[in-house]
N, C-alpha and C. Protein backbone atom coordinates (compact mmCIF):
# COMPACT_ATOMS: atom_id res chain seq x y z
N UNK A 1 19.31 8.19 3.96
CA UNK A 1 18.91 6.98 4.63
C UNK A 1 18.20 6.10 3.40
N UNK A 2 18.50 4.89 3.49
CA UNK A 2 17.94 3.95 2.62
C UNK A 2 16.46 3.69 3.05
N UNK A 3 15.58 3.46 2.06
CA UNK A 3 14.15 3.13 2.40
C UNK A 3 13.92 1.76 1.95
N UNK A 4 14.48 0.80 2.28
CA UNK A 4 14.22 -0.56 1.85
C UNK A 4 12.92 -1.07 2.17
N UNK A 5 12.39 -0.96 3.44
CA UNK A 5 11.15 -1.49 3.75
C UNK A 5 9.97 -0.68 3.05
N UNK A 6 10.02 0.71 2.98
CA UNK A 6 9.13 1.40 2.47
C UNK A 6 9.20 1.08 0.73
N UNK A 7 10.10 0.98 0.17
CA UNK A 7 10.19 0.47 -1.22
C UNK A 7 9.74 -0.88 -1.46
N UNK A 8 9.88 -1.78 -0.53
CA UNK A 8 9.21 -3.07 -0.60
C UNK A 8 7.79 -2.95 -0.60
N UNK A 9 7.18 -2.37 0.24
CA UNK A 9 5.61 -2.36 0.35
C UNK A 9 5.08 -1.38 -0.96
N UNK A 10 5.88 -0.51 -1.33
CA UNK A 10 5.41 0.23 -2.58
C UNK A 10 5.44 -0.62 -3.86
N UNK A 11 6.50 -1.49 -3.92
CA UNK A 11 6.85 -2.32 -4.97
C UNK A 11 5.73 -3.52 -4.99
N UNK A 12 5.31 -3.85 -3.95
CA UNK A 12 4.21 -4.72 -3.77
C UNK A 12 2.82 -4.01 -4.27
N UNK A 13 2.58 -2.94 -3.92
CA UNK A 13 1.37 -2.18 -4.45
C UNK A 13 1.45 -2.17 -5.86
N UNK A 14 2.55 -1.92 -6.41
CA UNK A 14 2.69 -1.54 -7.84
C UNK A 14 2.51 -2.79 -8.74
N UNK A 15 3.05 -4.04 -8.07
CA UNK A 15 2.93 -5.25 -8.70
C UNK A 15 1.53 -5.66 -8.81
N UNK A 16 0.59 -5.37 -7.80
CA UNK A 16 -0.76 -5.58 -7.89
C UNK A 16 -1.39 -4.66 -8.93
N UNK A 17 -1.01 -3.35 -8.96
CA UNK A 17 -1.55 -2.51 -9.86
C UNK A 17 -1.21 -2.80 -11.26
N UNK A 18 -0.11 -3.32 -11.58
CA UNK A 18 0.41 -3.87 -12.86
C UNK A 18 -0.14 -5.23 -13.32
N UNK A 19 -0.93 -5.84 -12.48
CA UNK A 19 -1.61 -7.20 -12.75
C UNK A 19 -0.68 -8.39 -12.55
N UNK A 20 0.47 -8.14 -11.73
CA UNK A 20 1.31 -9.25 -11.52
C UNK A 20 0.94 -9.98 -10.23
N UNK A 21 0.12 -9.41 -9.41
CA UNK A 21 -0.36 -10.24 -8.35
C UNK A 21 -1.93 -10.13 -8.20
N UNK A 22 -2.46 -11.17 -7.78
CA UNK A 22 -3.92 -11.37 -7.88
C UNK A 22 -4.63 -10.41 -6.76
N UNK A 23 -5.88 -10.11 -6.96
CA UNK A 23 -6.62 -9.30 -5.97
C UNK A 23 -6.44 -9.87 -4.71
N UNK A 24 -6.92 -11.33 -4.68
CA UNK A 24 -6.90 -12.02 -3.26
C UNK A 24 -5.66 -12.05 -2.57
N UNK A 25 -4.64 -12.38 -3.28
CA UNK A 25 -3.21 -12.41 -2.77
C UNK A 25 -2.91 -11.06 -2.27
N UNK A 26 -3.18 -10.09 -2.96
CA UNK A 26 -2.75 -8.82 -2.45
C UNK A 26 -3.51 -8.38 -1.33
N UNK A 27 -4.80 -8.55 -1.19
CA UNK A 27 -5.52 -8.05 0.00
C UNK A 27 -5.27 -8.92 1.22
N UNK A 28 -4.86 -10.09 0.81
CA UNK A 28 -4.34 -10.94 2.16
C UNK A 28 -2.88 -10.65 2.44
N UNK A 29 -1.98 -10.44 1.59
CA UNK A 29 -0.61 -10.37 1.91
C UNK A 29 -0.20 -8.88 2.30
N UNK A 30 -0.91 -7.89 1.57
CA UNK A 30 -0.34 -6.54 1.99
C UNK A 30 -0.47 -6.18 3.48
N UNK A 31 -1.52 -6.49 4.04
CA UNK A 31 -1.61 -6.03 5.53
C UNK A 31 -0.48 -6.70 6.37
N UNK A 32 -0.28 -7.96 5.94
CA UNK A 32 0.62 -8.71 6.62
C UNK A 32 2.07 -8.10 6.51
N UNK A 33 2.47 -7.70 5.20
CA UNK A 33 3.73 -7.06 5.04
C UNK A 33 3.90 -5.77 5.65
N UNK A 34 2.86 -4.91 5.63
CA UNK A 34 2.81 -3.75 6.36
C UNK A 34 3.02 -3.89 7.81
N UNK A 35 2.42 -4.97 8.43
CA UNK A 35 2.54 -5.18 9.92
C UNK A 35 4.01 -5.60 10.24
N UNK A 36 4.60 -6.47 9.22
CA UNK A 36 5.88 -6.84 9.46
C UNK A 36 6.96 -5.84 9.26
N UNK A 37 6.67 -4.86 8.44
CA UNK A 37 7.71 -3.93 7.98
C UNK A 37 7.44 -2.46 8.82
N UNK A 38 6.29 -2.19 9.42
CA UNK A 38 5.98 -0.77 9.81
C UNK A 38 6.97 -0.18 10.65
N UNK A 39 7.39 -0.93 11.70
CA UNK A 39 8.30 -0.43 12.65
C UNK A 39 9.70 0.06 11.89
N UNK A 40 10.25 -0.67 10.88
CA UNK A 40 11.37 -0.40 10.20
C UNK A 40 11.03 0.82 9.23
N UNK A 41 9.87 0.87 8.67
CA UNK A 41 9.44 1.85 7.67
C UNK A 41 9.54 3.19 8.65
N UNK A 42 8.98 3.20 9.75
CA UNK A 42 8.99 4.54 10.55
C UNK A 42 10.44 4.92 10.83
N UNK A 43 11.36 4.09 11.05
CA UNK A 43 12.79 4.45 11.10
C UNK A 43 13.28 4.98 9.80
N UNK A 44 12.80 4.67 8.73
CA UNK A 44 13.33 5.10 7.44
C UNK A 44 12.78 6.48 7.06
N UNK A 45 11.46 6.67 7.36
CA UNK A 45 10.77 7.94 7.17
C UNK A 45 9.61 7.88 7.86
N UNK A 46 9.45 8.33 9.07
CA UNK A 46 8.16 8.23 9.85
C UNK A 46 6.92 8.88 9.15
N UNK A 47 7.05 10.08 8.63
CA UNK A 47 5.97 10.68 8.07
C UNK A 47 5.51 9.93 6.75
N UNK A 48 6.36 9.58 6.00
CA UNK A 48 6.04 8.81 4.68
C UNK A 48 5.41 7.44 5.11
N UNK A 49 5.93 6.71 6.10
CA UNK A 49 5.43 5.52 6.62
C UNK A 49 3.97 5.66 6.98
N UNK A 50 3.76 6.77 7.78
CA UNK A 50 2.49 6.92 8.21
C UNK A 50 1.52 7.29 7.13
N UNK A 51 1.82 8.03 6.12
CA UNK A 51 0.94 8.21 4.92
C UNK A 51 0.70 6.85 4.25
N UNK A 52 1.70 5.99 4.13
CA UNK A 52 1.46 4.77 3.47
C UNK A 52 0.46 4.04 4.33
N UNK A 53 0.67 3.81 5.51
CA UNK A 53 -0.24 3.18 6.51
C UNK A 53 -1.72 3.69 6.38
N UNK A 54 -1.87 5.01 6.39
CA UNK A 54 -3.23 5.71 6.39
C UNK A 54 -3.81 5.52 4.99
N UNK A 55 -3.11 5.62 3.91
CA UNK A 55 -3.61 5.80 2.58
C UNK A 55 -3.84 4.33 1.86
N UNK A 56 -2.74 3.51 2.02
CA UNK A 56 -2.80 2.30 1.26
C UNK A 56 -3.32 1.18 2.13
N UNK A 57 -3.31 1.17 3.51
CA UNK A 57 -3.64 0.13 4.35
C UNK A 57 -5.05 0.55 4.84
N UNK A 58 -5.13 1.54 5.77
CA UNK A 58 -6.46 1.84 6.46
C UNK A 58 -7.52 2.43 5.44
N UNK A 59 -6.96 3.30 4.51
CA UNK A 59 -7.97 3.97 3.57
C UNK A 59 -7.90 3.26 2.19
N UNK A 60 -7.14 2.21 2.08
CA UNK A 60 -7.07 1.44 1.01
C UNK A 60 -7.69 -0.05 0.90
N UNK A 61 -6.52 -0.85 1.34
CA UNK A 61 -6.87 -2.34 1.40
C UNK A 61 -7.94 -2.66 2.24
N UNK A 62 -8.05 -2.19 3.50
CA UNK A 62 -9.03 -2.36 4.45
C UNK A 62 -10.55 -2.00 4.07
N UNK A 63 -10.51 -1.25 2.83
CA UNK A 63 -12.04 -0.87 2.33
C UNK A 63 -12.23 -1.94 1.08
N UNK A 64 -11.44 -2.85 0.91
CA UNK A 64 -11.60 -3.73 -0.46
C UNK A 64 -12.92 -4.31 -0.36
N UNK A 65 -13.44 -4.81 0.79
CA UNK A 65 -14.66 -5.57 0.86
C UNK A 65 -15.96 -4.69 0.51
N UNK A 66 -15.67 -3.31 0.52
CA UNK A 66 -16.94 -2.57 0.22
C UNK A 66 -16.93 -2.26 -1.15
N UNK A 67 -16.20 -2.73 -2.04
CA UNK A 67 -16.44 -2.60 -3.57
C UNK A 67 -15.96 -3.79 -4.31
N UNK A 68 -16.33 -3.75 -5.65
CA UNK A 68 -15.93 -4.96 -6.47
C UNK A 68 -14.51 -4.89 -6.71
N UNK A 69 -13.88 -5.91 -7.28
CA UNK A 69 -12.55 -5.95 -7.64
C UNK A 69 -12.01 -4.87 -8.57
N UNK A 70 -12.88 -4.63 -9.55
CA UNK A 70 -12.73 -3.53 -10.51
C UNK A 70 -12.64 -2.17 -9.89
N UNK A 71 -13.71 -1.94 -9.19
CA UNK A 71 -13.69 -0.68 -8.48
C UNK A 71 -12.43 -0.51 -7.46
N UNK A 72 -12.16 -1.53 -6.75
CA UNK A 72 -11.06 -1.46 -5.87
C UNK A 72 -9.86 -1.07 -6.57
N UNK A 73 -9.45 -1.65 -7.68
CA UNK A 73 -8.35 -1.35 -8.30
C UNK A 73 -8.26 0.01 -8.82
N UNK A 74 -9.27 0.73 -9.37
CA UNK A 74 -9.24 2.02 -9.64
C UNK A 74 -9.06 2.86 -8.52
N UNK A 75 -9.85 2.56 -7.35
CA UNK A 75 -9.65 3.31 -6.15
C UNK A 75 -8.30 3.15 -5.62
N UNK A 76 -7.63 1.98 -5.63
CA UNK A 76 -6.35 1.88 -4.92
C UNK A 76 -5.48 2.52 -5.88
N UNK A 77 -5.55 2.57 -7.15
CA UNK A 77 -4.56 3.34 -8.06
C UNK A 77 -4.50 4.74 -7.68
N UNK A 78 -5.77 5.39 -7.36
CA UNK A 78 -5.67 6.66 -6.96
C UNK A 78 -4.91 7.05 -5.71
N UNK A 79 -5.23 6.13 -4.77
CA UNK A 79 -4.41 6.11 -3.50
C UNK A 79 -3.11 5.95 -3.60
N UNK A 80 -2.55 5.15 -4.54
CA UNK A 80 -1.23 4.72 -4.68
C UNK A 80 -0.56 6.02 -5.44
N UNK A 81 -1.23 6.62 -6.27
CA UNK A 81 -0.77 7.81 -6.89
C UNK A 81 -0.47 8.96 -5.96
N UNK A 82 -1.42 9.09 -5.04
CA UNK A 82 -1.37 10.20 -4.11
C UNK A 82 0.00 9.93 -3.27
N UNK A 83 0.07 8.70 -2.80
CA UNK A 83 1.29 8.47 -1.97
C UNK A 83 2.57 8.52 -2.75
N UNK A 84 2.60 8.38 -3.96
CA UNK A 84 3.85 8.37 -4.81
C UNK A 84 4.12 9.97 -4.86
N UNK A 85 3.12 10.72 -5.06
CA UNK A 85 3.27 12.21 -5.22
C UNK A 85 3.44 12.89 -3.92
N UNK A 86 3.10 12.14 -2.82
CA UNK A 86 3.38 12.66 -1.57
C UNK A 86 2.24 13.61 -1.12
N UNK A 87 0.90 13.34 -1.78
CA UNK A 87 -0.21 14.18 -1.37
C UNK A 87 -1.04 13.32 -0.37
N UNK A 88 -1.32 14.27 0.77
CA UNK A 88 -1.74 13.56 1.98
C UNK A 88 -2.87 14.38 2.44
């Protein structure tokens, strides 16, 4: 099965980590994209969608205001790497 929505949110996260998207844009847009795509992501791969939600949104972006931009980028990179490797 295709993972169009999952790939779209992962691509968005990667674009931020690669410096193609600003911190403020990412922290505002990523939660919106997750909300918009989550139902379809669950149809694509329910377990992976839940991991992305838990790690990148709840355990990631929603914690951005607790640290500096630089700290957040390092923290988020670790979360992203775990999701890509399937470590949960």
